[in-house]
N, C-alpha and C. Protein backbone atom coordinates (compact mmCIF):
# COMPACT_ATOMS: atom_id res chain seq x y z
N UNK A 1 52.50 26.09 2.67
CA UNK A 1 51.92 25.35 1.57
C UNK A 1 51.75 23.88 1.94
N UNK A 2 50.71 23.29 1.34
CA UNK A 2 50.40 21.89 1.58
C UNK A 2 50.93 21.05 0.44
N UNK A 3 51.13 19.76 0.70
CA UNK A 3 51.55 18.84 -0.36
C UNK A 3 50.64 17.62 -0.35
N UNK A 4 50.68 16.82 -1.41
CA UNK A 4 49.85 15.63 -1.52
C UNK A 4 50.19 14.68 -0.37
N UNK A 5 49.15 14.18 0.29
CA UNK A 5 49.33 13.27 1.41
C UNK A 5 49.20 13.95 2.76
N UNK A 6 49.15 15.28 2.80
CA UNK A 6 48.99 15.99 4.07
C UNK A 6 47.55 15.83 4.57
N UNK A 7 47.42 15.73 5.90
CA UNK A 7 46.10 15.66 6.51
C UNK A 7 45.71 17.05 6.93
N UNK A 8 44.48 17.45 6.52
CA UNK A 8 44.00 18.81 6.79
C UNK A 8 42.57 18.76 7.29
N UNK A 9 42.23 19.79 8.06
CA UNK A 9 40.85 19.98 8.50
C UNK A 9 40.27 21.14 7.71
N UNK A 10 39.05 20.95 7.22
CA UNK A 10 38.37 21.98 6.44
C UNK A 10 37.75 22.97 7.41
N UNK A 11 37.81 24.24 7.06
CA UNK A 11 37.29 25.29 7.92
C UNK A 11 35.84 25.02 8.32
N UNK A 12 35.47 25.33 9.58
CA UNK A 12 34.10 25.07 10.02
C UNK A 12 33.08 26.11 9.56
N UNK A 13 33.54 27.19 8.93
CA UNK A 13 32.61 28.23 8.45
C UNK A 13 32.70 28.32 6.93
N UNK A 14 31.58 28.51 6.26
CA UNK A 14 31.61 28.60 4.79
C UNK A 14 32.24 29.90 4.32
N UNK A 15 32.85 29.84 3.13
CA UNK A 15 33.45 31.03 2.51
C UNK A 15 32.57 31.42 1.32
N UNK A 16 31.55 32.22 1.58
CA UNK A 16 30.61 32.61 0.51
C UNK A 16 31.18 33.68 -0.41
N UNK A 17 32.38 34.20 -0.11
CA UNK A 17 33.03 35.15 -1.02
C UNK A 17 33.60 34.44 -2.23
N UNK A 18 33.90 33.15 -2.08
CA UNK A 18 34.45 32.36 -3.18
C UNK A 18 33.30 31.85 -4.03
N UNK A 19 33.33 32.15 -5.33
CA UNK A 19 32.22 31.80 -6.24
C UNK A 19 31.94 30.30 -6.25
N UNK A 20 33.01 29.50 -6.25
CA UNK A 20 32.83 28.04 -6.29
C UNK A 20 32.02 27.56 -5.08
N UNK A 21 32.33 28.07 -3.90
CA UNK A 21 31.65 27.67 -2.67
C UNK A 21 30.22 28.18 -2.68
N UNK A 22 30.04 29.43 -3.11
CA UNK A 22 28.70 30.02 -3.12
C UNK A 22 27.78 29.29 -4.10
N UNK A 23 28.28 28.87 -5.26
CA UNK A 23 27.47 28.19 -6.27
C UNK A 23 27.18 26.73 -5.93
N UNK A 24 27.98 26.13 -5.05
CA UNK A 24 27.80 24.72 -4.70
C UNK A 24 27.66 24.56 -3.19
N UNK A 25 26.86 25.40 -2.57
CA UNK A 25 26.72 25.39 -1.11
C UNK A 25 26.19 24.05 -0.60
N UNK A 26 25.27 23.43 -1.36
CA UNK A 26 24.69 22.17 -0.89
C UNK A 26 25.74 21.06 -0.77
N UNK A 27 26.79 21.10 -1.60
CA UNK A 27 27.86 20.10 -1.53
C UNK A 27 28.87 20.48 -0.45
N UNK A 28 29.28 21.73 -0.44
CA UNK A 28 30.34 22.17 0.47
C UNK A 28 29.90 22.15 1.94
N UNK A 29 28.62 22.31 2.21
CA UNK A 29 28.18 22.34 3.62
C UNK A 29 28.45 21.01 4.32
N UNK A 30 28.46 19.89 3.58
CA UNK A 30 28.73 18.58 4.18
C UNK A 30 30.21 18.40 4.51
N UNK A 31 31.09 19.19 3.90
CA UNK A 31 32.53 19.08 4.12
C UNK A 31 33.02 19.97 5.26
N UNK A 32 32.17 20.84 5.77
CA UNK A 32 32.59 21.75 6.83
C UNK A 32 33.09 20.98 8.04
N UNK A 33 34.26 21.39 8.54
CA UNK A 33 34.87 20.86 9.76
C UNK A 33 35.25 19.38 9.67
N UNK A 34 35.36 18.84 8.48
CA UNK A 34 35.79 17.45 8.29
C UNK A 34 37.31 17.40 8.14
N UNK A 35 37.89 16.25 8.46
CA UNK A 35 39.33 16.04 8.31
C UNK A 35 39.54 15.05 7.18
N UNK A 36 40.45 15.40 6.26
CA UNK A 36 40.73 14.53 5.13
C UNK A 36 42.17 14.66 4.68
N UNK A 37 42.48 13.96 3.63
CA UNK A 37 43.84 13.91 3.08
C UNK A 37 43.86 14.59 1.71
N UNK A 38 44.89 15.36 1.46
CA UNK A 38 45.02 16.02 0.16
C UNK A 38 45.43 14.96 -0.85
N UNK A 39 44.61 14.81 -1.91
CA UNK A 39 44.90 13.78 -2.91
C UNK A 39 45.38 14.36 -4.23
N UNK A 40 45.20 15.68 -4.43
CA UNK A 40 45.64 16.29 -5.68
C UNK A 40 45.78 17.80 -5.48
N UNK A 41 46.70 18.40 -6.25
CA UNK A 41 46.91 19.85 -6.19
C UNK A 41 46.88 20.37 -7.61
N UNK A 42 46.16 21.50 -7.79
CA UNK A 42 46.06 22.11 -9.12
C UNK A 42 46.19 23.63 -8.98
N UNK A 43 46.74 24.25 -10.00
CA UNK A 43 46.88 25.71 -9.97
C UNK A 43 45.52 26.34 -10.29
N UNK A 44 45.17 27.39 -9.55
CA UNK A 44 43.91 28.10 -9.73
C UNK A 44 43.97 28.93 -11.01
N UNK A 45 43.07 28.67 -11.95
CA UNK A 45 43.08 29.38 -13.23
C UNK A 45 42.67 30.84 -13.08
N UNK A 46 41.79 31.12 -12.13
CA UNK A 46 41.31 32.49 -11.93
C UNK A 46 42.33 33.37 -11.21
N UNK A 47 43.15 32.78 -10.37
CA UNK A 47 44.14 33.53 -9.57
C UNK A 47 45.51 32.88 -9.74
N UNK A 48 46.33 33.36 -10.68
CA UNK A 48 47.67 32.78 -10.89
C UNK A 48 48.52 32.88 -9.61
N UNK A 49 49.26 31.82 -9.33
CA UNK A 49 50.10 31.77 -8.15
C UNK A 49 49.40 31.12 -6.96
N UNK A 50 48.09 30.90 -7.03
CA UNK A 50 47.35 30.24 -5.96
C UNK A 50 47.01 28.81 -6.41
N UNK A 51 46.81 27.95 -5.41
CA UNK A 51 46.55 26.55 -5.71
C UNK A 51 45.21 26.11 -5.13
N UNK A 52 44.63 25.08 -5.76
CA UNK A 52 43.42 24.42 -5.26
C UNK A 52 43.82 23.01 -4.83
N UNK A 53 43.23 22.56 -3.73
CA UNK A 53 43.59 21.27 -3.16
C UNK A 53 42.36 20.36 -3.14
N UNK A 54 42.51 19.17 -3.69
CA UNK A 54 41.44 18.17 -3.65
C UNK A 54 41.59 17.39 -2.35
N UNK A 55 40.62 17.56 -1.43
CA UNK A 55 40.68 16.91 -0.14
C UNK A 55 39.71 15.73 -0.14
N UNK A 56 40.28 14.54 0.14
CA UNK A 56 39.49 13.33 0.18
C UNK A 56 39.07 13.08 1.63
N UNK A 57 37.75 12.99 1.83
CA UNK A 57 37.19 12.84 3.18
C UNK A 57 36.36 11.57 3.23
N UNK A 58 36.47 10.84 4.35
CA UNK A 58 35.63 9.65 4.54
C UNK A 58 34.33 10.07 5.22
N UNK A 59 33.21 9.69 4.61
CA UNK A 59 31.89 9.96 5.17
C UNK A 59 31.31 8.64 5.67
N UNK A 60 31.26 8.50 6.99
CA UNK A 60 30.80 7.26 7.62
C UNK A 60 29.31 7.04 7.36
N UNK A 61 28.52 8.12 7.38
CA UNK A 61 27.07 8.03 7.18
C UNK A 61 26.66 8.26 5.73
N UNK A 62 27.60 8.45 4.86
CA UNK A 62 27.28 8.73 3.46
C UNK A 62 27.23 10.23 3.23
N UNK A 63 27.29 10.60 1.99
CA UNK A 63 27.25 12.01 1.59
C UNK A 63 25.95 12.25 0.86
N UNK A 64 25.03 12.96 1.52
CA UNK A 64 23.72 13.22 0.92
C UNK A 64 22.98 11.90 0.72
N UNK A 65 22.65 11.61 -0.53
CA UNK A 65 21.95 10.36 -0.84
C UNK A 65 22.92 9.25 -1.27
N UNK A 66 24.23 9.54 -1.22
CA UNK A 66 25.24 8.55 -1.61
C UNK A 66 25.60 7.66 -0.43
N UNK A 67 26.08 6.46 -0.72
CA UNK A 67 26.42 5.50 0.33
C UNK A 67 27.72 5.93 1.03
N UNK A 68 27.99 5.36 2.22
CA UNK A 68 29.22 5.70 2.95
C UNK A 68 30.47 5.39 2.12
N UNK A 69 31.48 6.24 2.27
CA UNK A 69 32.72 6.04 1.53
C UNK A 69 33.55 7.31 1.51
N UNK A 70 34.57 7.32 0.65
CA UNK A 70 35.47 8.48 0.50
C UNK A 70 34.98 9.35 -0.65
N UNK A 71 34.92 10.67 -0.40
CA UNK A 71 34.54 11.64 -1.42
C UNK A 71 35.49 12.82 -1.31
N UNK A 72 35.72 13.50 -2.43
CA UNK A 72 36.64 14.63 -2.38
C UNK A 72 35.99 15.87 -3.00
N UNK A 73 36.55 17.02 -2.62
CA UNK A 73 36.11 18.30 -3.15
C UNK A 73 37.32 19.23 -3.15
N UNK A 74 37.26 20.26 -3.99
CA UNK A 74 38.37 21.21 -4.14
C UNK A 74 38.20 22.37 -3.16
N UNK A 75 39.36 22.76 -2.56
CA UNK A 75 39.38 23.88 -1.61
C UNK A 75 40.60 24.75 -1.86
N UNK A 76 40.49 26.00 -1.43
CA UNK A 76 41.65 26.91 -1.46
C UNK A 76 42.45 26.71 -0.19
N UNK A 77 43.68 27.20 -0.17
CA UNK A 77 44.52 27.04 1.02
C UNK A 77 43.94 27.78 2.22
N UNK A 78 43.12 28.83 1.97
CA UNK A 78 42.49 29.58 3.07
C UNK A 78 41.47 28.73 3.82
N UNK A 79 40.99 27.68 3.20
CA UNK A 79 39.93 26.85 3.79
C UNK A 79 40.49 25.66 4.57
N UNK A 80 41.81 25.48 4.61
CA UNK A 80 42.41 24.28 5.18
C UNK A 80 43.27 24.61 6.40
N UNK A 81 43.22 23.73 7.39
CA UNK A 81 44.02 23.82 8.60
C UNK A 81 44.77 22.50 8.74
N UNK A 82 46.07 22.55 9.01
CA UNK A 82 46.86 21.32 9.13
C UNK A 82 46.33 20.48 10.29
N UNK A 83 46.23 19.15 10.06
CA UNK A 83 45.71 18.24 11.06
C UNK A 83 46.52 16.95 11.00
N UNK A 84 45.97 15.87 11.57
CA UNK A 84 46.69 14.59 11.56
C UNK A 84 45.74 13.44 11.24
N UNK A 85 46.34 12.34 10.80
CA UNK A 85 45.55 11.16 10.47
C UNK A 85 44.94 10.55 11.72
N UNK A 86 45.63 10.61 12.85
CA UNK A 86 45.10 10.03 14.08
C UNK A 86 43.84 10.77 14.53
N UNK A 87 43.79 12.08 14.37
CA UNK A 87 42.59 12.83 14.71
C UNK A 87 41.45 12.48 13.76
N UNK A 88 41.76 12.28 12.47
CA UNK A 88 40.73 11.86 11.50
C UNK A 88 40.19 10.48 11.87
N UNK A 89 41.09 9.54 12.24
CA UNK A 89 40.66 8.20 12.63
C UNK A 89 39.81 8.25 13.89
N UNK A 90 40.20 9.09 14.85
CA UNK A 90 39.43 9.22 16.08
C UNK A 90 38.01 9.70 15.77
N UNK A 91 37.90 10.73 14.95
CA UNK A 91 36.56 11.24 14.58
C UNK A 91 35.74 10.19 13.84
N UNK A 92 36.36 9.48 12.90
CA UNK A 92 35.63 8.46 12.13
C UNK A 92 35.19 7.31 13.03
N UNK A 93 36.08 6.89 13.95
CA UNK A 93 35.72 5.80 14.87
C UNK A 93 34.57 6.22 15.78
N UNK A 94 34.59 7.46 16.25
CA UNK A 94 33.49 7.95 17.10
C UNK A 94 32.19 8.02 16.30
N UNK A 95 32.27 8.44 15.03
CA UNK A 95 31.07 8.50 14.20
C UNK A 95 30.52 7.09 13.95
N UNK A 96 31.42 6.12 13.70
CA UNK A 96 30.98 4.74 13.49
C UNK A 96 30.35 4.17 14.76
N UNK A 97 30.97 4.45 15.91
CA UNK A 97 30.43 3.96 17.18
C UNK A 97 29.07 4.58 17.46
N UNK A 98 28.91 5.86 17.14
CA UNK A 98 27.61 6.53 17.32
C UNK A 98 26.55 5.93 16.42
N UNK A 99 26.92 5.62 15.18
CA UNK A 99 25.97 5.00 14.25
C UNK A 99 25.56 3.61 14.73
N UNK A 100 26.54 2.82 15.19
CA UNK A 100 26.23 1.48 15.71
C UNK A 100 25.36 1.57 16.95
N UNK A 101 25.63 2.56 17.81
CA UNK A 101 24.82 2.75 19.01
C UNK A 101 23.38 3.11 18.65
N UNK A 102 23.20 3.96 17.66
CA UNK A 102 21.84 4.32 17.22
C UNK A 102 21.11 3.12 16.65
N UNK A 103 21.82 2.29 15.86
CA UNK A 103 21.20 1.08 15.31
C UNK A 103 20.81 0.12 16.44
N UNK A 104 21.69 -0.02 17.45
CA UNK A 104 21.39 -0.90 18.58
C UNK A 104 20.20 -0.36 19.37
N UNK A 105 20.16 0.94 19.62
CA UNK A 105 19.05 1.54 20.36
C UNK A 105 17.73 1.35 19.61
N UNK A 106 17.76 1.49 18.29
CA UNK A 106 16.55 1.29 17.48
C UNK A 106 16.08 -0.16 17.57
N UNK A 107 17.02 -1.10 17.47
CA UNK A 107 16.68 -2.52 17.59
C UNK A 107 16.12 -2.82 18.98
N UNK A 108 16.76 -2.28 20.01
CA UNK A 108 16.32 -2.50 21.39
C UNK A 108 14.92 -1.95 21.61
N UNK A 109 14.66 -0.76 21.08
CA UNK A 109 13.34 -0.13 21.24
C UNK A 109 12.26 -0.97 20.55
N UNK A 110 12.53 -1.43 19.33
CA UNK A 110 11.56 -2.26 18.61
C UNK A 110 11.30 -3.57 19.36
N UNK A 111 12.37 -4.20 19.86
CA UNK A 111 12.21 -5.47 20.59
C UNK A 111 11.42 -5.27 21.87
N UNK A 112 11.73 -4.20 22.60
CA UNK A 112 11.01 -3.93 23.85
C UNK A 112 9.55 -3.63 23.58
N UNK A 113 9.27 -2.80 22.55
CA UNK A 113 7.89 -2.49 22.20
C UNK A 113 7.12 -3.74 21.81
N UNK A 114 7.75 -4.61 21.04
CA UNK A 114 7.10 -5.84 20.61
C UNK A 114 6.80 -6.74 21.81
N UNK A 115 7.77 -6.85 22.74
CA UNK A 115 7.58 -7.69 23.92
C UNK A 115 6.46 -7.13 24.81
N UNK A 116 6.47 -5.81 25.04
CA UNK A 116 5.43 -5.21 25.89
C UNK A 116 4.06 -5.31 25.24
N UNK A 117 4.01 -5.16 23.94
CA UNK A 117 2.73 -5.29 23.25
C UNK A 117 2.20 -6.72 23.37
N UNK A 118 3.11 -7.67 23.27
CA UNK A 118 2.71 -9.08 23.39
C UNK A 118 2.19 -9.38 24.80
N UNK A 119 2.81 -8.76 25.81
CA UNK A 119 2.42 -9.04 27.20
C UNK A 119 1.15 -8.29 27.58
N UNK A 120 1.11 -6.98 27.30
CA UNK A 120 0.02 -6.14 27.81
C UNK A 120 -1.12 -5.94 26.83
N UNK A 121 -0.90 -6.18 25.57
CA UNK A 121 -1.97 -6.01 24.59
C UNK A 121 -1.97 -7.19 23.63
N UNK A 122 -2.33 -8.37 24.14
CA UNK A 122 -2.33 -9.53 23.24
C UNK A 122 -3.39 -9.35 22.14
N UNK A 123 -3.07 -9.90 21.01
CA UNK A 123 -4.00 -9.80 19.89
C UNK A 123 -5.25 -10.64 20.19
N UNK A 124 -6.42 -10.05 19.96
CA UNK A 124 -7.64 -10.82 20.23
C UNK A 124 -7.75 -12.00 19.25
N UNK A 125 -8.19 -13.10 19.80
CA UNK A 125 -8.36 -14.28 18.94
C UNK A 125 -9.67 -14.13 18.18
N UNK A 126 -9.62 -14.44 16.92
CA UNK A 126 -10.81 -14.33 16.07
C UNK A 126 -11.76 -15.47 16.42
N UNK A 127 -12.95 -15.08 16.81
CA UNK A 127 -13.95 -16.10 17.14
C UNK A 127 -14.73 -16.45 15.88
N UNK A 128 -14.93 -17.73 15.69
CA UNK A 128 -15.68 -18.18 14.53
C UNK A 128 -17.16 -18.01 14.84
N UNK A 129 -17.83 -17.28 13.96
CA UNK A 129 -19.26 -17.04 14.16
C UNK A 129 -20.05 -18.25 13.65
N UNK A 130 -20.97 -18.66 14.46
CA UNK A 130 -21.85 -19.77 14.10
C UNK A 130 -23.27 -19.24 14.11
N UNK A 131 -23.97 -19.44 13.01
CA UNK A 131 -25.37 -18.99 12.94
C UNK A 131 -26.25 -19.85 13.83
N UNK A 132 -27.12 -19.18 14.52
CA UNK A 132 -28.10 -19.86 15.36
C UNK A 132 -29.19 -20.38 14.43
N UNK A 133 -29.44 -21.69 14.39
CA UNK A 133 -30.46 -22.20 13.47
C UNK A 133 -31.86 -21.71 13.82
N UNK A 134 -32.07 -21.26 15.02
CA UNK A 134 -33.40 -20.80 15.42
C UNK A 134 -33.47 -19.28 15.54
N UNK A 135 -32.59 -18.57 14.83
CA UNK A 135 -32.54 -17.14 15.02
C UNK A 135 -33.80 -16.42 14.52
N UNK A 136 -34.53 -17.02 13.59
CA UNK A 136 -35.72 -16.35 13.07
C UNK A 136 -37.01 -16.87 13.69
N UNK A 137 -36.90 -17.89 14.47
CA UNK A 137 -38.11 -18.40 15.09
C UNK A 137 -38.48 -17.53 16.27
N UNK A 138 -39.76 -17.37 16.48
CA UNK A 138 -40.25 -16.56 17.59
C UNK A 138 -40.07 -17.35 18.86
N UNK A 139 -39.49 -16.69 19.83
CA UNK A 139 -39.31 -17.33 21.12
C UNK A 139 -40.66 -17.36 21.82
N UNK A 140 -41.08 -18.55 22.21
CA UNK A 140 -42.40 -18.70 22.80
C UNK A 140 -42.36 -18.39 24.29
N UNK A 141 -43.38 -17.75 24.77
CA UNK A 141 -43.52 -17.52 26.19
C UNK A 141 -44.88 -18.06 26.61
N UNK A 142 -45.13 -18.04 27.88
CA UNK A 142 -46.37 -18.64 28.40
C UNK A 142 -47.64 -17.92 27.96
N UNK A 143 -47.57 -16.62 27.75
CA UNK A 143 -48.80 -15.89 27.43
C UNK A 143 -49.07 -15.79 25.94
N UNK A 144 -48.28 -16.46 25.08
CA UNK A 144 -48.53 -16.42 23.64
C UNK A 144 -49.14 -17.75 23.22
N UNK A 145 -50.21 -17.65 22.44
CA UNK A 145 -50.90 -18.86 21.95
C UNK A 145 -50.82 -18.88 20.42
N UNK A 146 -50.97 -20.04 19.84
CA UNK A 146 -50.84 -20.22 18.40
C UNK A 146 -52.22 -20.46 17.79
N UNK A 147 -52.49 -19.79 16.68
CA UNK A 147 -53.72 -19.98 15.94
C UNK A 147 -53.35 -20.75 14.68
N UNK A 148 -53.71 -22.06 14.61
CA UNK A 148 -53.33 -22.90 13.49
C UNK A 148 -54.00 -22.49 12.19
N UNK A 149 -55.19 -21.92 12.28
CA UNK A 149 -55.93 -21.56 11.08
C UNK A 149 -55.19 -20.48 10.29
N UNK A 150 -54.68 -19.48 10.98
CA UNK A 150 -53.98 -18.40 10.30
C UNK A 150 -52.46 -18.46 10.49
N UNK A 151 -52.00 -19.51 11.16
CA UNK A 151 -50.59 -19.70 11.45
C UNK A 151 -50.00 -18.44 12.08
N UNK A 152 -50.66 -17.95 13.11
CA UNK A 152 -50.21 -16.75 13.81
C UNK A 152 -50.13 -17.03 15.29
N UNK A 153 -49.40 -16.17 15.95
CA UNK A 153 -49.29 -16.20 17.41
C UNK A 153 -49.97 -14.95 17.94
N UNK A 154 -50.60 -15.06 19.08
CA UNK A 154 -51.23 -13.89 19.68
C UNK A 154 -51.09 -13.97 21.18
N UNK A 155 -51.20 -12.80 21.80
CA UNK A 155 -51.13 -12.72 23.26
C UNK A 155 -52.45 -13.20 23.84
N UNK A 156 -52.44 -13.42 25.16
CA UNK A 156 -53.67 -13.84 25.83
C UNK A 156 -54.78 -12.80 25.67
N UNK A 157 -54.38 -11.54 25.66
CA UNK A 157 -55.42 -10.51 25.53
C UNK A 157 -55.80 -10.29 24.07
N UNK A 158 -55.16 -11.00 23.14
CA UNK A 158 -55.42 -10.97 21.71
C UNK A 158 -55.33 -9.57 21.11
N UNK A 159 -54.42 -8.77 21.66
CA UNK A 159 -54.26 -7.41 21.11
C UNK A 159 -53.20 -7.37 20.03
N UNK A 160 -52.21 -8.20 20.09
CA UNK A 160 -51.16 -8.13 19.08
C UNK A 160 -50.99 -9.46 18.39
N UNK A 161 -50.86 -9.43 17.09
CA UNK A 161 -50.64 -10.65 16.31
C UNK A 161 -49.19 -10.68 15.84
N UNK A 162 -48.62 -11.83 15.83
CA UNK A 162 -47.27 -12.01 15.30
C UNK A 162 -47.29 -13.22 14.38
N UNK A 163 -46.39 -13.23 13.41
CA UNK A 163 -46.30 -14.31 12.46
C UNK A 163 -45.09 -15.17 12.76
N UNK A 164 -45.17 -16.42 12.41
CA UNK A 164 -44.08 -17.35 12.65
C UNK A 164 -43.10 -17.29 11.48
N UNK A 165 -41.83 -17.13 11.82
CA UNK A 165 -40.77 -17.14 10.81
C UNK A 165 -39.86 -18.31 11.10
N UNK A 166 -39.43 -18.98 10.07
CA UNK A 166 -38.49 -20.07 10.26
C UNK A 166 -37.24 -19.76 9.44
N UNK A 167 -36.14 -20.22 9.94
CA UNK A 167 -34.86 -20.00 9.26
C UNK A 167 -34.54 -21.24 8.46
N UNK A 168 -34.94 -21.24 7.21
CA UNK A 168 -34.68 -22.37 6.35
C UNK A 168 -33.73 -21.90 5.26
N UNK A 169 -32.45 -22.13 5.48
CA UNK A 169 -31.46 -21.66 4.51
C UNK A 169 -30.78 -22.79 3.78
N UNK A 170 -31.39 -23.93 3.76
CA UNK A 170 -30.81 -25.05 3.05
C UNK A 170 -30.94 -24.78 1.55
N UNK A 171 -29.81 -24.64 0.86
CA UNK A 171 -29.85 -24.26 -0.55
C UNK A 171 -30.48 -25.32 -1.43
N UNK A 172 -30.50 -26.56 -1.01
CA UNK A 172 -31.11 -27.61 -1.83
C UNK A 172 -32.62 -27.42 -1.96
N UNK A 173 -33.23 -26.73 -1.01
CA UNK A 173 -34.67 -26.53 -1.04
C UNK A 173 -35.08 -25.37 -1.95
N UNK A 174 -34.13 -24.64 -2.44
CA UNK A 174 -34.45 -23.48 -3.28
C UNK A 174 -34.20 -23.79 -4.74
N UNK A 175 -34.91 -23.09 -5.58
CA UNK A 175 -34.76 -23.26 -7.02
C UNK A 175 -34.12 -21.99 -7.56
N UNK A 176 -32.99 -22.17 -8.18
CA UNK A 176 -32.32 -21.03 -8.80
C UNK A 176 -32.48 -21.17 -10.29
N UNK A 177 -32.94 -20.12 -10.91
CA UNK A 177 -33.10 -20.18 -12.36
C UNK A 177 -31.80 -19.74 -13.02
N UNK A 178 -31.45 -20.44 -14.05
CA UNK A 178 -30.25 -20.11 -14.79
C UNK A 178 -30.66 -19.26 -15.98
N UNK A 179 -30.25 -18.00 -15.97
CA UNK A 179 -30.65 -17.07 -17.04
C UNK A 179 -29.57 -16.94 -18.11
N UNK A 180 -28.55 -17.76 -18.07
CA UNK A 180 -27.46 -17.65 -19.04
C UNK A 180 -27.94 -18.02 -20.45
N UNK A 181 -28.96 -18.87 -20.58
CA UNK A 181 -29.46 -19.27 -21.89
C UNK A 181 -30.55 -18.34 -22.41
N UNK A 182 -30.92 -17.38 -21.62
CA UNK A 182 -32.04 -16.52 -22.01
C UNK A 182 -31.73 -15.77 -23.29
N UNK A 183 -32.73 -15.61 -24.10
CA UNK A 183 -32.55 -14.88 -25.34
C UNK A 183 -32.39 -13.42 -25.03
N UNK A 184 -31.51 -12.80 -25.76
CA UNK A 184 -31.31 -11.36 -25.53
C UNK A 184 -32.36 -10.53 -26.24
N UNK A 185 -32.91 -11.07 -27.31
CA UNK A 185 -33.98 -10.34 -28.01
C UNK A 185 -35.15 -11.27 -28.17
N UNK A 186 -36.26 -10.86 -27.65
CA UNK A 186 -37.50 -11.63 -27.78
C UNK A 186 -38.35 -10.97 -28.85
N UNK A 187 -38.78 -11.76 -29.80
CA UNK A 187 -39.67 -11.24 -30.83
C UNK A 187 -40.97 -12.03 -30.77
N UNK A 188 -42.02 -11.35 -30.49
CA UNK A 188 -43.33 -12.02 -30.42
C UNK A 188 -44.10 -11.79 -31.68
């Protein structure tokens, strides 16, 4: 028999014959093969003469969606194996060291990736686009002549006509009508 304060290891295999374990498999699966301390003892109501033991276990990585800490669950004596606090501390320290190592490896990987990206794939500098003021003007060549009467350009053989376009985008030269005062209903 166990007493309060004893260190025990929970069996590594589930006991699906026990209704409590079968109905709460999602909780009990996290306690498999863990070492904890018995914090309370209660008599089993379904089986007189048998006891249930509340085993408090430290979860370094948290239990499910809960944060890291101590959690307990009830077990029968068939589910417990006598253990020691030093073995529990050894397991917890190894789990903490593994967690710290994973965090360090993740940080190292991110830092290395960032450094390599900076070296081998520098971000392109955004070039400021400047409009060419003569982008709409026809580029003149030696074989094109200008006809002032029709304001056109033509080739020496006079087979193709082109018109002169100018890029005049100065907003002061344009007239914008303000339609905000316009009547919504016109009656003539």
